[in-house]
């Protein structure tokens, strides 16, 4: 009898040992998702256009270091870092890559066809071969488009409203930017809009190494205004560009609000904060199982005009009341 009782105790002990690891596995916390954030223009001390995205992710319940990890890869204008950043994120097998601009998205797409990529501000994802259509992207890229091809015509109209005597405008494009190129649909649309307003264009390539000399050359050639295209390097160099435009007496129109806060005269674009914020919903849906191929790429619904009156005063420019009346924000 004693041996029977001992045997039962022994089996009970074995049973407990067998059950315990299963229970431990059941209680083991789920893997914390990793979201890779990639931007040329943002810096480690200033997330720039990622600020609304990060705030909205927190509103949706994603707390960095608790139930999600944000792996920030911000280049502060040094675009040579981007390919390495993306390679590291792919090697780390992040769950989603969120990228701000054209070159960041292109680098991510080249590095992976399986990790979901969410773009916040892409001018033309279909034209650049990243998606089959807006309604059904069909690959691993989804997110938001800025519709920038169409907006540059509007920007030159606004610049003409601000400076009615405008006859010649300089346009800065980055030599490393694959979207804004001479002979492209973007250039054709801009040239058509400028011609209709009686404005000649002088499109020049400039990056962080020759911004001042490029602006000086435009001044020598008689430019009376400036259009700065969308690029991460130009975001990072916003203050230098704004100061250069004032130095050479160029009323300038930019893309991003931060560039006007840095001293630029005008900015007109899809409302960047809304696009950035909306990007969080794409990430949320992907983390909950949605496939980027099935998530329609969204177009902007709100646009904003920002005017810096301090800069206007520095340029000796009086902004017409009709233009001021249409501004969403006036910096004084």
Protein backbone atom coordinates (compact mmCIF):
# COMPACT_ATOMS: atom_id res chain seq x y z
CA UNK A 1 0.00 0.00 0.00
CA UNK A 2 2.81 2.38 0.91
CA UNK A 3 4.52 1.77 -2.43
CA UNK A 4 1.23 2.52 -4.30
CA UNK A 5 0.88 5.87 -2.49
CA UNK A 6 4.50 6.75 -3.19
CA UNK A 7 4.01 5.89 -6.87
CA UNK A 8 0.95 8.18 -7.06
CA UNK A 9 2.94 11.05 -5.49
CA UNK A 10 5.75 10.45 -7.99
CA UNK A 11 3.37 10.57 -10.96
CA UNK A 12 1.70 13.69 -9.60
CA UNK A 13 5.12 15.32 -9.39
CA UNK A 14 5.86 14.38 -12.98
CA UNK A 15 2.48 15.71 -14.07
CA UNK A 16 3.14 19.02 -12.39
CA UNK A 17 6.51 19.25 -14.06
CA UNK A 18 4.92 18.54 -17.43
CA UNK A 19 2.17 21.11 -16.97
CA UNK A 20 4.38 23.94 -15.63
CA UNK A 21 6.32 24.67 -18.84
CA UNK A 22 3.07 24.78 -20.85
CA UNK A 23 1.59 27.26 -18.40
CA UNK A 24 4.76 29.32 -18.52
CA UNK A 25 4.63 29.37 -22.31
CA UNK A 26 0.99 30.45 -22.24
CA UNK A 27 1.86 33.38 -19.97
CA UNK A 28 4.93 34.42 -22.00
CA UNK A 29 4.34 37.91 -23.41
CA UNK A 30 3.79 38.29 -27.16
CA UNK A 31 6.66 39.66 -29.22
CA UNK A 32 6.74 43.44 -29.12
CA UNK A 33 6.35 44.79 -32.68
CA UNK A 34 9.18 46.90 -34.07
CA UNK A 35 8.38 49.86 -36.32
CA UNK A 36 11.27 51.25 -38.34
CA UNK A 37 11.06 55.00 -38.99
CA UNK A 38 13.21 56.34 -41.85
CA UNK A 39 13.71 59.99 -42.81
CA UNK A 40 16.36 62.09 -44.51
CA UNK A 41 15.03 65.37 -43.12
CA UNK A 42 14.35 64.40 -39.50
CA UNK A 43 17.13 64.33 -36.91
CA UNK A 44 17.69 62.42 -33.66
CA UNK A 45 16.78 65.56 -31.70
CA UNK A 46 13.87 66.62 -33.93
CA UNK A 47 11.49 64.06 -35.49
CA UNK A 48 10.17 66.85 -37.78
CA UNK A 49 7.33 65.48 -39.93
CA UNK A 50 7.11 62.34 -37.78
CA UNK A 51 5.79 64.30 -34.77
CA UNK A 52 2.06 63.95 -35.61
CA UNK A 53 2.54 60.27 -36.52
CA UNK A 54 4.17 59.48 -33.18
CA UNK A 55 1.50 61.40 -31.28
CA UNK A 56 -1.28 59.51 -33.08
CA UNK A 57 0.37 56.15 -32.47
CA UNK A 58 0.31 56.94 -28.78
CA UNK A 59 -3.37 57.93 -29.05
CA UNK A 60 -4.02 54.50 -30.59
CA UNK A 61 -2.42 52.87 -27.56
CA UNK A 62 1.11 52.20 -28.83
CA UNK A 63 3.62 53.23 -26.15
CA UNK A 64 7.28 53.15 -27.12
CA UNK A 65 9.21 50.70 -24.95
CA UNK A 66 6.06 49.10 -23.54
CA UNK A 67 4.01 47.47 -26.29
CA UNK A 68 5.92 48.69 -29.35
CA UNK A 69 9.45 49.71 -30.27
CA UNK A 70 10.12 52.60 -32.64
CA UNK A 71 13.51 52.18 -34.29
CA UNK A 72 14.27 55.74 -35.40
CA UNK A 73 16.65 56.12 -38.33
CA UNK A 74 16.83 59.90 -38.88
CA UNK A 75 19.60 61.19 -41.16
CA UNK A 76 19.52 64.94 -40.34
CA UNK A 77 20.03 65.71 -44.04
CA UNK A 78 22.77 63.13 -44.71
CA UNK A 79 21.02 61.03 -47.35
CA UNK A 80 24.07 58.77 -47.75
CA UNK A 81 22.92 57.03 -44.56
CA UNK A 82 19.54 55.90 -45.91
CA UNK A 83 20.52 52.67 -47.67
CA UNK A 84 22.42 51.53 -44.59
CA UNK A 85 19.51 52.47 -42.33
CA UNK A 86 17.08 50.44 -44.41
CA UNK A 87 19.44 47.45 -44.63
CA UNK A 88 19.73 47.43 -40.83
CA UNK A 89 15.95 47.52 -40.42
CA UNK A 90 15.47 44.65 -42.86
CA UNK A 91 18.19 42.64 -41.09
CA UNK A 92 16.42 43.30 -37.79
CA UNK A 93 13.19 41.97 -39.38
CA UNK A 94 11.08 44.93 -38.28
CA UNK A 95 7.32 44.52 -38.60
CA UNK A 96 6.71 47.72 -40.60
CA UNK A 97 8.89 50.40 -42.20
CA UNK A 98 7.44 53.93 -42.19
CA UNK A 99 9.20 56.33 -44.56
CA UNK A 100 8.68 60.03 -45.15
CA UNK A 101 9.88 60.90 -48.65
CA UNK A 102 10.52 59.61 -52.15
CA UNK A 103 14.07 58.41 -51.67
CA UNK A 104 13.40 56.77 -48.33
CA UNK A 105 10.51 54.77 -49.79
CA UNK A 106 12.54 53.82 -52.89
CA UNK A 107 15.40 52.55 -50.71
CA UNK A 108 13.01 50.53 -48.56
CA UNK A 109 11.27 49.03 -51.58
CA UNK A 110 14.60 48.05 -53.12
CA UNK A 111 15.67 46.39 -49.87
CA UNK A 112 12.53 44.32 -49.22
CA UNK A 113 9.47 43.02 -51.01
CA UNK A 114 8.01 41.35 -47.92
CA UNK A 115 8.15 43.83 -45.02
CA UNK A 116 5.19 46.24 -45.20
CA UNK A 117 6.18 49.81 -46.10
CA UNK A 118 3.99 52.81 -45.22
CA UNK A 119 4.78 56.06 -47.03
CA UNK A 120 3.65 59.33 -45.47
CA UNK A 121 4.38 61.87 -48.23
CA UNK A 122 4.99 60.27 -51.60
CA UNK A 123 4.27 62.50 -54.63
CA UNK A 124 3.47 59.74 -57.16
CA UNK A 125 3.60 56.09 -56.00
CA UNK A 126 2.03 54.78 -59.22
CA UNK A 127 4.25 56.81 -61.56
CA UNK A 128 7.34 55.58 -59.72
CA UNK A 129 6.27 51.94 -59.90
CA UNK A 130 5.59 51.41 -56.21
CA UNK A 131 1.91 50.54 -56.60
CA UNK A 132 -0.37 49.13 -59.28
CA UNK A 133 -3.17 51.56 -58.40
CA UNK A 134 -4.29 53.75 -55.52
CA UNK A 135 -7.30 51.53 -54.84
CA UNK A 136 -5.28 48.32 -54.76
CA UNK A 137 -1.53 48.84 -54.41
CA UNK A 138 -0.79 45.16 -54.97
CA UNK A 139 2.65 45.04 -53.35
CA UNK A 140 4.18 45.83 -49.98
CA UNK A 141 3.85 49.63 -50.21
CA UNK A 142 0.81 51.61 -49.07
CA UNK A 143 0.13 54.87 -47.25
CA UNK A 144 -0.46 58.41 -48.46
CA UNK A 145 0.34 60.50 -51.51
CA UNK A 146 0.83 64.27 -51.60
CA UNK A 147 -0.31 64.65 -55.24
CA UNK A 148 2.71 66.89 -55.72
CA UNK A 149 2.76 66.64 -59.51
CA UNK A 150 -0.36 68.80 -59.62
CA UNK A 151 0.58 71.16 -56.78
CA UNK A 152 3.61 72.89 -58.28
CA UNK A 153 1.39 74.71 -60.76
CA UNK A 154 -0.59 76.03 -57.79
CA UNK A 155 2.60 77.04 -56.01
CA UNK A 156 3.75 79.19 -58.90
CA UNK A 157 0.28 80.82 -59.03
CA UNK A 158 0.57 81.69 -55.33
CA UNK A 159 4.06 83.10 -55.82
CA UNK A 160 2.73 85.24 -58.68
CA UNK A 161 -0.06 86.50 -56.42
CA UNK A 162 2.51 87.47 -53.81
CA UNK A 163 4.74 89.17 -56.41
CA UNK A 164 2.56 90.34 -59.34
CA UNK A 165 5.61 91.63 -61.27
CA UNK A 166 7.22 88.19 -61.30
CA UNK A 167 8.77 87.29 -64.68
CA UNK A 168 11.52 84.78 -63.90
CA UNK A 169 11.60 82.11 -61.17
CA UNK A 170 14.39 79.82 -60.02
CA UNK A 171 13.53 76.23 -59.11
CA UNK A 172 15.77 74.13 -56.88
CA UNK A 173 15.88 70.36 -57.41
CA UNK A 174 18.17 67.88 -55.69
CA UNK A 175 20.52 66.07 -58.08
CA UNK A 176 19.89 62.87 -56.08
CA UNK A 177 16.10 63.14 -56.18
CA UNK A 178 14.55 60.62 -58.63
CA UNK A 179 11.21 62.39 -58.96
CA UNK A 180 11.97 66.05 -59.79
CA UNK A 181 13.83 65.80 -63.07
CA UNK A 182 14.12 67.85 -66.24
CA UNK A 183 11.89 66.39 -68.93
CA UNK A 184 9.62 64.61 -66.44
CA UNK A 185 5.84 64.96 -66.15
CA UNK A 186 6.47 67.12 -63.08
CA UNK A 187 8.69 69.51 -65.09
CA UNK A 188 6.21 69.59 -67.99
CA UNK A 189 3.30 70.48 -65.68
CA UNK A 190 5.32 73.21 -63.95
CA UNK A 191 6.55 74.69 -67.24
CA UNK A 192 3.01 74.75 -68.64
CA UNK A 193 1.69 76.55 -65.55
CA UNK A 194 4.58 79.05 -65.61
CA UNK A 195 4.11 79.78 -69.32
CA UNK A 196 0.41 80.50 -68.80
CA UNK A 197 1.41 83.16 -66.24
CA UNK A 198 4.13 84.69 -68.43
CA UNK A 199 6.90 83.35 -66.20
CA UNK A 200 10.21 81.87 -67.36
CA UNK A 201 11.74 79.09 -65.27
CA UNK A 202 15.37 78.47 -64.39
CA UNK A 203 15.59 74.93 -62.95
CA UNK A 204 18.90 74.21 -61.21
CA UNK A 205 20.33 71.30 -59.26
CA UNK A 206 21.54 72.05 -55.77
CA UNK A 207 22.31 70.12 -52.61
CA UNK A 208 23.81 70.86 -49.21
CA UNK A 209 27.26 71.45 -50.78
CA UNK A 210 26.31 74.30 -53.13
CA UNK A 211 23.12 75.97 -51.93
CA UNK A 212 24.58 79.45 -51.66
CA UNK A 213 26.38 79.34 -55.02
CA UNK A 214 23.21 78.01 -56.71
CA UNK A 215 21.16 80.89 -55.28
CA UNK A 216 23.85 83.38 -56.27
CA UNK A 217 23.83 82.04 -59.85
CA UNK A 218 20.03 82.37 -60.02
CA UNK A 219 20.31 85.98 -58.85
CA UNK A 220 22.91 86.76 -61.54
CA UNK A 221 20.61 85.25 -64.18
CA UNK A 222 17.76 87.52 -63.11
CA UNK A 223 15.50 85.29 -61.03
CA UNK A 224 12.92 87.28 -59.06
CA UNK A 225 11.53 84.42 -57.00
CA UNK A 226 12.26 80.87 -55.91
CA UNK A 227 10.49 77.51 -55.75
CA UNK A 228 12.06 74.90 -53.47
CA UNK A 229 10.99 71.35 -54.29
CA UNK A 230 10.24 68.63 -51.78
CA UNK A 231 13.32 66.78 -50.57
CA UNK A 232 14.68 65.60 -47.23
CA UNK A 233 17.92 67.53 -47.72
CA UNK A 234 15.91 70.73 -48.24
CA UNK A 235 13.94 69.99 -45.07
CA UNK A 236 17.15 69.62 -43.09
CA UNK A 237 18.57 72.76 -44.76
CA UNK A 238 15.38 74.78 -44.24
CA UNK A 239 17.03 77.55 -42.22
CA UNK A 240 19.98 77.89 -44.62
CA UNK A 241 17.61 78.04 -47.61
CA UNK A 242 15.37 80.62 -45.96
CA UNK A 243 18.34 82.81 -45.05
CA UNK A 244 19.79 82.41 -48.54
CA UNK A 245 16.50 83.44 -50.15
CA UNK A 246 16.43 86.60 -48.03
CA UNK A 247 20.11 87.28 -48.77
CA UNK A 248 19.49 87.20 -52.54
CA UNK A 249 16.10 88.94 -52.25
CA UNK A 250 14.04 85.98 -53.44
CA UNK A 251 10.42 85.64 -52.36
CA UNK A 252 10.39 81.84 -51.98
CA UNK A 253 7.69 79.20 -51.77
CA UNK A 254 8.42 75.92 -50.00
CA UNK A 255 6.52 72.70 -49.33
CA UNK A 256 6.64 72.25 -45.56
CA UNK A 257 5.41 74.43 -42.72
CA UNK A 258 8.69 73.93 -40.82
CA UNK A 259 10.56 75.60 -43.68
CA UNK A 260 8.41 78.73 -43.33
CA UNK A 261 8.86 78.67 -39.56
CA UNK A 262 12.61 78.63 -40.29
CA UNK A 263 12.21 81.88 -42.26
CA UNK A 264 10.80 80.97 -45.67
CA UNK A 265 8.15 83.29 -47.10
CA UNK A 266 5.46 80.83 -48.25
CA UNK A 267 4.53 77.17 -48.14
CA UNK A 268 1.67 75.42 -49.86
CA UNK A 269 1.00 71.70 -49.72
CA UNK A 270 -1.30 68.97 -48.60
CA UNK A 271 -1.64 69.34 -44.86
CA UNK A 272 1.44 67.46 -43.75
CA UNK A 273 0.33 67.02 -40.15
CA UNK A 274 -2.85 65.28 -41.32
CA UNK A 275 -0.93 62.93 -43.62
CA UNK A 276 1.59 62.12 -40.91
CA UNK A 277 -1.17 61.48 -38.39
CA UNK A 278 -3.13 59.35 -40.83
CA UNK A 279 -0.08 57.16 -41.39
CA UNK A 280 -0.55 55.78 -37.88
CA UNK A 281 -3.84 54.17 -38.91
CA UNK A 282 -2.08 52.25 -41.71
CA UNK A 283 0.48 50.91 -39.25
CA UNK A 284 -2.25 49.99 -36.77
CA UNK A 285 -4.17 48.03 -39.40
CA UNK A 286 -1.05 46.23 -40.61
CA UNK A 287 -0.11 45.23 -37.06
CA UNK A 288 -3.63 43.82 -36.71
CA UNK A 289 -3.22 41.64 -39.78
CA UNK A 290 -4.11 43.74 -42.84
CA UNK A 291 -1.94 43.37 -45.94
CA UNK A 292 -0.48 46.53 -47.53
CA UNK A 293 -1.46 45.17 -50.97
CA UNK A 294 -5.12 45.51 -49.95
CA UNK A 295 -4.95 48.91 -48.19
CA UNK A 296 -5.81 51.73 -50.65
CA UNK A 297 -3.30 54.56 -50.90
CA UNK A 298 -5.06 57.71 -49.73
CA UNK A 299 -5.00 61.14 -51.35
CA UNK A 300 -4.97 64.35 -49.30
CA UNK A 301 -8.25 66.06 -48.52
CA UNK A 302 -6.86 69.20 -46.87
CA UNK A 303 -4.29 71.70 -48.12
CA UNK A 304 -2.67 74.61 -46.31
CA UNK A 305 -1.07 77.93 -47.16
CA UNK A 306 1.42 79.36 -44.66
CA UNK A 307 2.74 82.94 -44.92
CA UNK A 308 5.62 84.46 -42.94
CA UNK A 309 5.04 88.21 -42.64
CA UNK A 310 8.37 88.74 -40.88
CA UNK A 311 10.12 87.45 -43.97
CA UNK A 312 7.90 89.55 -46.23
CA UNK A 313 8.97 92.62 -44.26
CA UNK A 314 12.65 91.62 -44.54
CA UNK A 315 12.20 91.38 -48.32
CA UNK A 316 10.38 94.73 -48.49
CA UNK A 317 7.34 92.88 -49.82
CA UNK A 318 3.71 93.73 -49.12
CA UNK A 319 1.61 90.59 -49.29
CA UNK A 320 -1.73 91.35 -51.00
CA UNK A 321 -4.71 91.27 -48.61
CA UNK A 322 -6.49 88.83 -50.94
CA UNK A 323 -3.66 86.31 -50.49
CA UNK A 324 -3.50 86.88 -46.73
CA UNK A 325 -7.24 86.20 -46.54
CA UNK A 326 -6.74 82.73 -47.99
CA UNK A 327 -3.87 81.77 -45.65
CA UNK A 328 -4.40 79.00 -43.11
CA UNK A 329 -1.62 80.39 -40.93
CA UNK A 330 0.18 83.73 -40.83
CA UNK A 331 3.46 83.94 -38.94
CA UNK A 332 4.04 87.42 -37.53
